[in-house]
Amino acid sequence: MIRRIGPTRLTLVATALTLAMGVAACRSGSADSSSSGSSSGGSSSSSSSGLSGEITVFAAASLKKTFTQIGADFEKTHPGTTVRFSFAGSSDLVAQIQQGAPADVFASADTKNMDKVSAESLTSGQPMVFASNTLEIAVPPGNPAKITSFADLARSGVKVVLCAPAVPCGSAAAKVEKSAGVDIAPVSEEQSVTDVLGKVTAGEADAGLVYVTDVKGAGDAVKGIPFAQSKAAVNSYPIAALKASKNAAVADAFVQTVTGASGQQVLADAGFAKAP
């Protein structure tokens, strides 16, 4: 026998079903809202530094060791960023920048080469001097040519390697020669200070003029001979973000790191002097 359901009971069933569907909908909405909030929170956390992406830093060869460390520290501080480097003589780097090479930051071993970049309005802001460096004589272990002074570099038979005049270390060497009244006849002129150091460590030269920091960084591979005349040519190192950078935020942050406390400590540990 079929039992008929009266109107009142139908109303009660319909009401119960409506309430059940409402509760289910509330629970579903609550779950979706929680998931969205968690996702949003995760996204905000992962980009909390606001920095990401890659930059290329053109830097003087004498900065290779320090900037490599500063770059590694920068990447740890700002996850999601990558800092790539191109190290060479400052004059070579300037020529590449002028020809449109993709670079975000330029650090020169002298103000003269930075001025060339600034004069063409290729920097995004005013360059900042972040360190200074002076020349020192580097000789092989044991000092076979018995070099004891700057004047000894002009002795007959002494094989000396210098940087080319267009390179900051070569320009500094020329200033010191003029100031000291000493005329050195190098057996070769190199395009970067690291190339000069390489000639000395390979035993291809009796002496080379490099920076104090290069001698310190080479450890036992060379012996450094300080000389008073080096004060005639103190090189100031400027840095600037470049206008053509496709990642200006990271470029500016890297410049701030170099000029800030952490970068300055790395430079000081390597033997660089503070900016004059």
C-alpha atoms as a PDB file:
ATOM      1  CA  MET A   1       0.000   0.000   0.000  1.00  0.00           C
ATOM      2  CA  ILE A   2       1.320   3.403  -0.990  1.00  0.00           C
ATOM      3  CA  ARG A   3       1.436   5.904   1.889  1.00  0.00           C
ATOM      4  CA  ARG A   4       0.755   9.442   0.831  1.00  0.00           C
ATOM      5  CA  ILE A   5       2.701  12.283   2.403  1.00  0.00           C
ATOM      6  CA  GLY A   6       0.635  15.184   3.459  1.00  0.00           C
ATOM      7  CA  PRO A   7       1.401  18.819   2.564  1.00  0.00           C
ATOM      8  CA  THR A   8       2.742  19.599   6.038  1.00  0.00           C
ATOM      9  CA  ARG A   9       5.235  16.762   5.990  1.00  0.00           C
ATOM     10  CA  LEU A  10       6.374  17.742   2.459  1.00  0.00           C
ATOM     11  CA  THR A  11       7.017  21.257   3.672  1.00  0.00           C
ATOM     12  CA  LEU A  12       9.120  19.955   6.576  1.00  0.00           C
ATOM     13  CA  VAL A  13      11.225  17.728   4.279  1.00  0.00           C
ATOM     14  CA  ALA A  14      11.820  20.557   1.838  1.00  0.00           C
ATOM     15  CA  THR A  15      12.887  22.834   4.643  1.00  0.00           C
ATOM     16  CA  ALA A  16      15.271  20.226   6.039  1.00  0.00           C
ATOM     17  CA  LEU A  17      16.845  19.714   2.599  1.00  0.00           C
ATOM     18  CA  THR A  18      17.274  23.450   2.115  1.00  0.00           C
ATOM     19  CA  LEU A  19      18.975  23.822   5.500  1.00  0.00           C
ATOM     20  CA  ALA A  20      21.312  20.869   4.783  1.00  0.00           C
ATOM     21  CA  MET A  21      22.335  22.328   1.425  1.00  0.00           C
ATOM     22  CA  GLY A  22      22.955  25.701   3.044  1.00  0.00           C
ATOM     23  CA  VAL A  23      25.266  24.198   5.688  1.00  0.00           C
ATOM     24  CA  ALA A  24      27.181  22.259   3.017  1.00  0.00           C
ATOM     25  CA  ALA A  25      27.572  25.412   0.946  1.00  0.00           C
ATOM     26  CA  CYS A  26      28.874  27.338   3.956  1.00  0.00           C
ATOM     27  CA  ARG A  27      31.384  24.618   4.706  1.00  0.00           C
ATOM     28  CA  SER A  28      32.545  24.532   1.075  1.00  0.00           C
ATOM     29  CA  GLY A  29      32.835  28.327   0.951  1.00  0.00           C
ATOM     30  CA  SER A  30      34.788  28.330   4.177  1.00  0.00           C
ATOM     31  CA  ALA A  31      37.247  25.753   2.838  1.00  0.00           C
ATOM     32  CA  ASP A  32      37.781  27.651  -0.454  1.00  0.00           C
ATOM     33  CA  SER A  33      38.354  30.903   1.411  1.00  0.00           C
ATOM     34  CA  SER A  34      40.979  29.297   3.659  1.00  0.00           C
ATOM     35  CA  SER A  35      42.786  27.780   0.667  1.00  0.00           C
ATOM     36  CA  SER A  36      42.849  31.096  -1.178  1.00  0.00           C
ATOM     37  CA  GLY A  37      44.147  32.900   1.862  1.00  0.00           C
ATOM     38  CA  SER A  38      46.926  30.364   2.318  1.00  0.00           C
ATOM     39  CA  SER A  39      47.917  30.637  -1.332  1.00  0.00           C
ATOM     40  CA  SER A  40      47.900  34.416  -1.216  1.00  0.00           C
ATOM     41  CA  GLY A  41      49.935  34.422   1.948  1.00  0.00           C
ATOM     42  CA  GLY A  42      52.492  32.028   0.430  1.00  0.00           C
ATOM     43  CA  SER A  43      52.875  34.203  -2.659  1.00  0.00           C
ATOM     44  CA  SER A  44      53.385  37.316  -0.561  1.00  0.00           C
ATOM     45  CA  SER A  45      55.998  35.562   1.548  1.00  0.00           C
ATOM     46  CA  SER A  46      57.979  34.244  -1.420  1.00  0.00           C
ATOM     47  CA  SER A  47      58.312  37.726  -2.927  1.00  0.00           C
ATOM     48  CA  SER A  48      58.715  39.629   0.318  1.00  0.00           C
ATOM     49  CA  SER A  49      62.083  41.076  -0.764  1.00  0.00           C
ATOM     50  CA  GLY A  50      60.525  42.413  -3.950  1.00  0.00           C
ATOM     51  CA  LEU A  51      63.644  41.428  -5.900  1.00  0.00           C
ATOM     52  CA  SER A  52      64.007  38.699  -8.471  1.00  0.00           C
ATOM     53  CA  GLY A  53      65.689  37.994 -11.766  1.00  0.00           C
ATOM     54  CA  GLU A  54      69.181  38.317 -13.157  1.00  0.00           C
ATOM     55  CA  ILE A  55      71.720  41.121 -13.593  1.00  0.00           C
ATOM     56  CA  THR A  56      75.130  41.302 -15.256  1.00  0.00           C
ATOM     57  CA  VAL A  57      77.851  43.307 -13.553  1.00  0.00           C
ATOM     58  CA  PHE A  58      80.799  44.613 -15.573  1.00  0.00           C
ATOM     59  CA  ALA A  59      83.672  45.054 -13.112  1.00  0.00           C
ATOM     60  CA  ALA A  60      87.387  45.830 -13.187  1.00  0.00           C
ATOM     61  CA  ALA A  61      89.607  42.748 -13.117  1.00  0.00           C
ATOM     62  CA  SER A  62      91.041  43.729  -9.727  1.00  0.00           C
ATOM     63  CA  LEU A  63      87.555  43.303  -8.222  1.00  0.00           C
ATOM     64  CA  LYS A  64      87.107  39.675  -9.252  1.00  0.00           C
ATOM     65  CA  LYS A  65      87.643  38.033  -5.863  1.00  0.00           C
ATOM     66  CA  THR A  66      85.707  40.571  -3.787  1.00  0.00           C
ATOM     67  CA  PHE A  67      82.789  41.022  -6.166  1.00  0.00           C
ATOM     68  CA  THR A  68      82.391  37.276  -6.593  1.00  0.00           C
ATOM     69  CA  GLN A  69      81.968  37.018  -2.825  1.00  0.00           C
ATOM     70  CA  ILE A  70      79.668  40.039  -2.639  1.00  0.00           C
ATOM     71  CA  GLY A  71      77.573  38.568  -5.450  1.00  0.00           C
ATOM     72  CA  ALA A  72      77.222  35.238  -3.634  1.00  0.00           C
ATOM     73  CA  ASP A  73      76.215  37.031  -0.433  1.00  0.00           C
ATOM     74  CA  PHE A  74      73.706  39.132  -2.368  1.00  0.00           C
ATOM     75  CA  GLU A  75      72.030  36.052  -3.856  1.00  0.00           C
ATOM     76  CA  LYS A  76      71.699  34.488  -0.387  1.00  0.00           C
ATOM     77  CA  THR A  77      70.166  37.664   1.003  1.00  0.00           C
ATOM     78  CA  HIS A  78      67.789  37.976  -1.954  1.00  0.00           C
ATOM     79  CA  PRO A  79      66.648  34.474  -3.011  1.00  0.00           C
ATOM     80  CA  GLY A  80      65.448  34.437  -6.575  1.00  0.00           C
ATOM     81  CA  THR A  81      68.165  36.779  -7.837  1.00  0.00           C
ATOM     82  CA  THR A  82      71.206  35.869  -9.918  1.00  0.00           C
ATOM     83  CA  VAL A  83      74.318  38.023 -10.314  1.00  0.00           C
ATOM     84  CA  ARG A  84      76.581  37.325 -13.281  1.00  0.00           C
ATOM     85  CA  PHE A  85      79.939  39.012 -13.808  1.00  0.00           C
ATOM     86  CA  SER A  86      82.209  40.074 -16.633  1.00  0.00           C
ATOM     87  CA  PHE A  87      85.685  40.976 -15.357  1.00  0.00           C
ATOM     88  CA  ALA A  88      88.212  42.759 -17.562  1.00  0.00           C
ATOM     89  CA  GLY A  89      90.247  45.925 -17.855  1.00  0.00           C
ATOM     90  CA  SER A  90      88.048  48.956 -17.208  1.00  0.00           C
ATOM     91  CA  SER A  91      88.792  50.498 -20.610  1.00  0.00           C
ATOM     92  CA  ASP A  92      87.726  47.285 -22.394  1.00  0.00           C
ATOM     93  CA  LEU A  93      84.495  47.184 -20.381  1.00  0.00           C
ATOM     94  CA  VAL A  94      83.737  50.810 -21.253  1.00  0.00           C
ATOM     95  CA  ALA A  95      84.152  50.044 -24.963  1.00  0.00           C
ATOM     96  CA  GLN A  96      81.737  47.116 -24.649  1.00  0.00           C
ATOM     97  CA  ILE A  97      79.159  49.237 -22.803  1.00  0.00           C
ATOM     98  CA  GLN A  98      79.421  51.983 -25.422  1.00  0.00           C
ATOM     99  CA  GLN A  99      78.808  49.386 -28.122  1.00  0.00           C
ATOM    100  CA  GLY A 100      75.604  48.246 -26.415  1.00  0.00           C
ATOM    101  CA  ALA A 101      76.763  45.151 -24.542  1.00  0.00           C
ATOM    102  CA  PRO A 102      74.025  44.028 -22.104  1.00  0.00           C
ATOM    103  CA  ALA A 103      75.112  45.139 -18.647  1.00  0.00           C
ATOM    104  CA  ASP A 104      73.232  46.342 -15.578  1.00  0.00           C
ATOM    105  CA  VAL A 105      76.046  47.655 -13.357  1.00  0.00           C
ATOM    106  CA  PHE A 106      79.541  49.001 -14.062  1.00  0.00           C
ATOM    107  CA  ALA A 107      82.362  49.175 -11.509  1.00  0.00           C
ATOM    108  CA  SER A 108      85.566  50.813 -12.708  1.00  0.00           C
ATOM    109  CA  ALA A 109      89.066  50.823 -11.244  1.00  0.00           C
ATOM    110  CA  ASP A 110      89.307  54.561 -11.868  1.00  0.00           C
ATOM    111  CA  THR A 111      87.096  57.610 -12.286  1.00  0.00           C
ATOM    112  CA  LYS A 112      88.459  58.380 -15.767  1.00  0.00           C
ATOM    113  CA  ASN A 113      86.800  55.371 -17.373  1.00  0.00           C
ATOM    114  CA  MET A 114      83.570  55.861 -15.420  1.00  0.00           C
ATOM    115  CA  ASP A 115      83.491  59.467 -16.651  1.00  0.00           C
ATOM    116  CA  LYS A 116      83.419  58.169 -20.237  1.00  0.00           C
ATOM    117  CA  VAL A 117      80.244  56.225 -19.470  1.00  0.00           C
ATOM    118  CA  SER A 118      78.657  59.102 -17.561  1.00  0.00           C
ATOM    119  CA  ALA A 119      79.497  61.582 -20.323  1.00  0.00           C
ATOM    120  CA  GLU A 120      77.309  59.587 -22.710  1.00  0.00           C
ATOM    121  CA  SER A 121      74.473  59.473 -20.151  1.00  0.00           C
ATOM    122  CA  LEU A 122      74.719  55.686 -19.883  1.00  0.00           C
ATOM    123  CA  THR A 123      74.437  55.575 -16.083  1.00  0.00           C
ATOM    124  CA  SER A 124      71.078  55.726 -14.337  1.00  0.00           C
ATOM    125  CA  GLY A 125      72.400  57.848 -11.491  1.00  0.00           C
ATOM    126  CA  GLN A 126      75.448  59.543 -10.076  1.00  0.00           C
ATOM    127  CA  PRO A 127      78.384  57.074  -9.769  1.00  0.00           C
ATOM    128  CA  MET A 128      79.577  56.471  -6.211  1.00  0.00           C
ATOM    129  CA  VAL A 129      83.197  55.878  -5.213  1.00  0.00           C
ATOM    130  CA  PHE A 130      83.228  52.807  -2.969  1.00  0.00           C
ATOM    131  CA  ALA A 131      86.940  52.020  -2.474  1.00  0.00           C
ATOM    132  CA  SER A 132      90.493  52.974  -3.353  1.00  0.00           C
ATOM    133  CA  ASN A 133      93.638  51.050  -4.212  1.00  0.00           C
ATOM    134  CA  THR A 134      97.357  51.702  -4.661  1.00  0.00           C
ATOM    135  CA  LEU A 135     100.113  50.047  -6.635  1.00  0.00           C
ATOM    136  CA  GLU A 136     102.641  47.590  -5.266  1.00  0.00           C
ATOM    137  CA  ILE A 137     105.522  45.739  -6.893  1.00  0.00           C
ATOM    138  CA  ALA A 138     104.919  42.022  -7.269  1.00  0.00           C
ATOM    139  CA  VAL A 139     107.901  39.714  -7.667  1.00  0.00           C
ATOM    140  CA  PRO A 140     108.197  35.902  -7.814  1.00  0.00           C
ATOM    141  CA  PRO A 141     108.971  34.048  -4.554  1.00  0.00           C
ATOM    142  CA  GLY A 142     112.629  34.485  -3.685  1.00  0.00           C
ATOM    143  CA  ASN A 143     112.795  37.767  -5.642  1.00  0.00           C
ATOM    144  CA  PRO A 144     115.445  36.524  -8.118  1.00  0.00           C
ATOM    145  CA  ALA A 145     116.072  40.005  -9.596  1.00  0.00           C
ATOM    146  CA  LYS A 146     116.628  41.460  -6.105  1.00  0.00           C
ATOM    147  CA  ILE A 147     114.097  44.243  -6.519  1.00  0.00           C
ATOM    148  CA  THR A 148     113.985  46.497  -3.463  1.00  0.00           C
ATOM    149  CA  SER A 149     112.710  49.837  -4.799  1.00  0.00           C
ATOM    150  CA  PHE A 150     110.686  51.415  -7.578  1.00  0.00           C
ATOM    151  CA  ALA A 151     113.897  52.649  -9.234  1.00  0.00           C
ATOM    152  CA  ASP A 152     115.087  49.046  -9.549  1.00  0.00           C
ATOM    153  CA  LEU A 153     112.372  48.445 -12.134  1.00  0.00           C
ATOM    154  CA  ALA A 154     114.352  50.594 -14.571  1.00  0.00           C
ATOM    155  CA  ARG A 155     117.566  48.606 -14.153  1.00  0.00           C
ATOM    156  CA  SER A 156     119.030  47.082 -17.291  1.00  0.00           C
ATOM    157  CA  GLY A 157     118.106  43.442 -17.746  1.00  0.00           C
ATOM    158  CA  VAL A 158     115.140  43.500 -15.355  1.00  0.00           C
ATOM    159  CA  LYS A 159     112.031  42.115 -17.040  1.00  0.00           C
ATOM    160  CA  VAL A 160     109.080  44.228 -15.941  1.00  0.00           C
ATOM    161  CA  VAL A 161     105.425  43.824 -16.946  1.00  0.00           C
ATOM    162  CA  LEU A 162     102.979  46.743 -16.735  1.00  0.00           C
ATOM    163  CA  CYS A 163      99.366  47.349 -17.611  1.00  0.00           C
ATOM    164  CA  ALA A 164      98.713  49.155 -20.891  1.00  0.00           C
ATOM    165  CA  PRO A 165      98.381  52.950 -20.459  1.00  0.00           C
ATOM    166  CA  ALA A 166      94.632  52.880 -21.231  1.00  0.00           C
ATOM    167  CA  VAL A 167      94.021  50.500 -18.313  1.00  0.00           C
ATOM    168  CA  PRO A 168      93.723  52.118 -14.845  1.00  0.00           C
ATOM    169  CA  CYS A 169      96.740  50.256 -13.408  1.00  0.00           C
ATOM    170  CA  GLY A 170      98.772  51.354 -16.447  1.00  0.00           C
ATOM    171  CA  SER A 171      97.655  54.950 -16.091  1.00  0.00           C
ATOM    172  CA  ALA A 172      98.613  54.840 -12.405  1.00  0.00           C
ATOM    173  CA  ALA A 173     102.028  53.387 -13.267  1.00  0.00           C
ATOM    174  CA  ALA A 174     102.638  56.244 -15.724  1.00  0.00           C
ATOM    175  CA  LYS A 175     101.795  58.805 -13.021  1.00  0.00           C
ATOM    176  CA  VAL A 176     104.190  57.181 -10.591  1.00  0.00           C
ATOM    177  CA  GLU A 177     106.972  57.060 -13.200  1.00  0.00           C
ATOM    178  CA  LYS A 178     106.525  60.753 -13.926  1.00  0.00           C
ATOM    179  CA  SER A 179     106.397  61.677 -10.243  1.00  0.00           C
ATOM    180  CA  ALA A 180     109.478  59.587  -9.392  1.00  0.00           C
ATOM    181  CA  GLY A 181     111.436  60.531 -12.506  1.00  0.00           C
ATOM    182  CA  VAL A 182     111.840  56.863 -13.408  1.00  0.00           C
ATOM    183  CA  ASP A 183     111.434  55.530 -16.954  1.00  0.00           C
ATOM    184  CA  ILE A 184     110.502  51.846 -17.097  1.00  0.00           C
ATOM    185  CA  ALA A 185     110.836  49.873 -20.341  1.00  0.00           C
ATOM    186  CA  PRO A 186     108.368  46.985 -19.900  1.00  0.00           C
ATOM    187  CA  VAL A 187     108.795  43.699 -21.757  1.00  0.00           C
ATOM    188  CA  SER A 188     105.012  43.647 -22.215  1.00  0.00           C
ATOM    189  CA  GLU A 189     101.926  45.743 -21.536  1.00  0.00           C
ATOM    190  CA  GLU A 190      98.810  43.840 -20.499  1.00  0.00           C
ATOM    191  CA  GLN A 191      95.106  44.646 -20.772  1.00  0.00           C
ATOM    192  CA  SER A 192      94.303  43.902 -17.129  1.00  0.00           C
ATOM    193  CA  VAL A 193      96.063  43.801 -13.787  1.00  0.00           C
ATOM    194  CA  THR A 194      95.323  40.080 -13.448  1.00  0.00           C
ATOM    195  CA  ASP A 195      97.266  39.467 -16.664  1.00  0.00           C
ATOM    196  CA  VAL A 196     100.260  41.289 -15.190  1.00  0.00           C
ATOM    197  CA  LEU A 197     100.032  39.187 -12.048  1.00  0.00           C
ATOM    198  CA  GLY A 198      99.776  36.063 -14.177  1.00  0.00           C
ATOM    199  CA  LYS A 199     103.048  36.872 -15.946  1.00  0.00           C
ATOM    200  CA  VAL A 200     104.818  37.247 -12.614  1.00  0.00           C
ATOM    201  CA  THR A 201     103.389  34.087 -11.047  1.00  0.00           C
ATOM    202  CA  ALA A 202     104.284  32.138 -14.207  1.00  0.00           C
ATOM    203  CA  GLY A 203     107.899  33.261 -13.912  1.00  0.00           C
ATOM    204  CA  GLU A 204     107.755  35.208 -17.177  1.00  0.00           C
ATOM    205  CA  ALA A 205     108.722  38.475 -15.499  1.00  0.00           C
ATOM    206  CA  ASP A 206     111.046  39.622 -12.728  1.00  0.00           C
ATOM    207  CA  ALA A 207     108.473  42.123 -11.493  1.00  0.00           C
ATOM    208  CA  GLY A 208     105.093  43.621 -12.257  1.00  0.00           C
ATOM    209  CA  LEU A 209     103.144  46.633 -11.042  1.00  0.00           C
ATOM    210  CA  VAL A 210      99.817  45.500  -9.633  1.00  0.00           C
ATOM    211  CA  TYR A 211      97.531  46.623  -6.823  1.00  0.00           C
ATOM    212  CA  VAL A 212      98.049  45.984  -3.122  1.00  0.00           C
ATOM    213  CA  THR A 213      94.911  43.839  -3.193  1.00  0.00           C
ATOM    214  CA  ASP A 214      96.293  41.657  -5.989  1.00  0.00           C
ATOM    215  CA  VAL A 215      99.439  40.895  -4.004  1.00  0.00           C
ATOM    216  CA  LYS A 216      97.388  40.047  -0.927  1.00  0.00           C
ATOM    217  CA  GLY A 217      95.011  37.864  -2.912  1.00  0.00           C
ATOM    218  CA  ALA A 218      97.870  35.944  -4.561  1.00  0.00           C
ATOM    219  CA  GLY A 219      99.158  34.683  -1.205  1.00  0.00           C
ATOM    220  CA  ASP A 220     102.494  32.865  -1.427  1.00  0.00           C
ATOM    221  CA  ALA A 221     102.517  32.942  -5.219  1.00  0.00           C
ATOM    222  CA  VAL A 222     104.192  36.358  -5.194  1.00  0.00           C
ATOM    223  CA  LYS A 223     106.022  38.668  -2.839  1.00  0.00           C
ATOM    224  CA  GLY A 224     104.897  42.274  -2.494  1.00  0.00           C
ATOM    225  CA  ILE A 225     107.283  45.196  -2.303  1.00  0.00           C
ATOM    226  CA  PRO A 226     105.644  48.467  -1.196  1.00  0.00           C
ATOM    227  CA  PHE A 227     107.155  51.742  -2.401  1.00  0.00           C
ATOM    228  CA  ALA A 228     106.580  55.300  -1.208  1.00  0.00           C
ATOM    229  CA  GLN A 229     106.008  56.714  -4.708  1.00  0.00           C
ATOM    230  CA  SER A 230     102.755  54.761  -5.008  1.00  0.00           C
ATOM    231  CA  LYS A 231     101.026  57.577  -3.121  1.00  0.00           C
ATOM    232  CA  ALA A 232     101.304  59.672  -6.280  1.00  0.00           C
ATOM    233  CA  ALA A 233      98.606  57.557  -7.931  1.00  0.00           C
ATOM    234  CA  VAL A 234      95.783  56.381  -5.695  1.00  0.00           C
ATOM    235  CA  ASN A 235      92.988  54.848  -7.756  1.00  0.00           C
ATOM    236  CA  SER A 236      89.392  55.557  -6.748  1.00  0.00           C
ATOM    237  CA  TYR A 237      86.806  52.897  -7.667  1.00  0.00           C
ATOM    238  CA  PRO A 238      83.339  54.175  -8.699  1.00  0.00           C
ATOM    239  CA  ILE A 239      80.208  52.092  -9.309  1.00  0.00           C
ATOM    240  CA  ALA A 240      76.897  52.885 -10.994  1.00  0.00           C
ATOM    241  CA  ALA A 241      73.786  51.152 -12.274  1.00  0.00           C
ATOM    242  CA  LEU A 242      73.367  51.521 -16.027  1.00  0.00           C
ATOM    243  CA  LYS A 243      70.418  53.161 -17.748  1.00  0.00           C
ATOM    244  CA  ALA A 244      70.013  50.249 -20.164  1.00  0.00           C
ATOM    245  CA  SER A 245      69.469  47.757 -17.327  1.00  0.00           C
ATOM    246  CA  LYS A 246      66.398  45.567 -17.744  1.00  0.00           C
ATOM    247  CA  ASN A 247      66.309  44.893 -14.003  1.00  0.00           C
ATOM    248  CA  ALA A 248      66.842  48.296 -12.425  1.00  0.00           C
ATOM    249  CA  ALA A 249      65.619  47.274  -8.971  1.00  0.00           C
ATOM    250  CA  VAL A 250      68.163  44.475  -8.594  1.00  0.00           C
ATOM    251  CA  ALA A 251      70.905  46.603 -10.166  1.00  0.00           C
ATOM    252  CA  ASP A 252      70.287  49.411  -7.671  1.00  0.00           C
ATOM    253  CA  ALA A 253      70.168  46.933  -4.786  1.00  0.00           C
ATOM    254  CA  PHE A 254      73.533  45.461  -5.805  1.00  0.00           C
ATOM    255  CA  VAL A 255      75.103  48.934  -5.898  1.00  0.00           C
ATOM    256  CA  GLN A 256      73.711  49.598  -2.422  1.00  0.00           C
ATOM    257  CA  THR A 257      75.188  46.316  -1.195  1.00  0.00           C
ATOM    258  CA  VAL A 258      78.657  47.199  -2.509  1.00  0.00           C
ATOM    259  CA  THR A 259      78.554  50.645  -0.905  1.00  0.00           C
ATOM    260  CA  GLY A 260      76.893  49.356   2.280  1.00  0.00           C
ATOM    261  CA  ALA A 261      78.355  47.786   5.399  1.00  0.00           C
ATOM    262  CA  SER A 262      78.539  44.182   4.198  1.00  0.00           C
ATOM    263  CA  GLY A 263      80.180  45.030   0.876  1.00  0.00           C
ATOM    264  CA  GLN A 264      82.618  47.430   2.504  1.00  0.00           C
ATOM    265  CA  GLN A 265      83.694  44.735   4.952  1.00  0.00           C
ATOM    266  CA  VAL A 266      84.483  42.295   2.132  1.00  0.00           C
ATOM    267  CA  LEU A 267      86.519  44.975   0.358  1.00  0.00           C
ATOM    268  CA  ALA A 268      88.390  45.957   3.527  1.00  0.00           C
ATOM    269  CA  ASP A 269      89.267  42.327   4.239  1.00  0.00           C
ATOM    270  CA  ALA A 270      90.798  42.106   0.761  1.00  0.00           C
ATOM    271  CA  GLY A 271      93.024  45.131   1.372  1.00  0.00           C
ATOM    272  CA  PHE A 272      91.038  47.872  -0.333  1.00  0.00           C
ATOM    273  CA  ALA A 273      91.169  51.251   1.368  1.00  0.00           C
ATOM    274  CA  LYS A 274      88.064  53.305   2.026  1.00  0.00           C
ATOM    275  CA  ALA A 275      86.857  55.764  -0.569  1.00  0.00           C
ATOM    276  CA  PRO A 276      88.883  58.998  -0.361  1.00  0.00           C
END
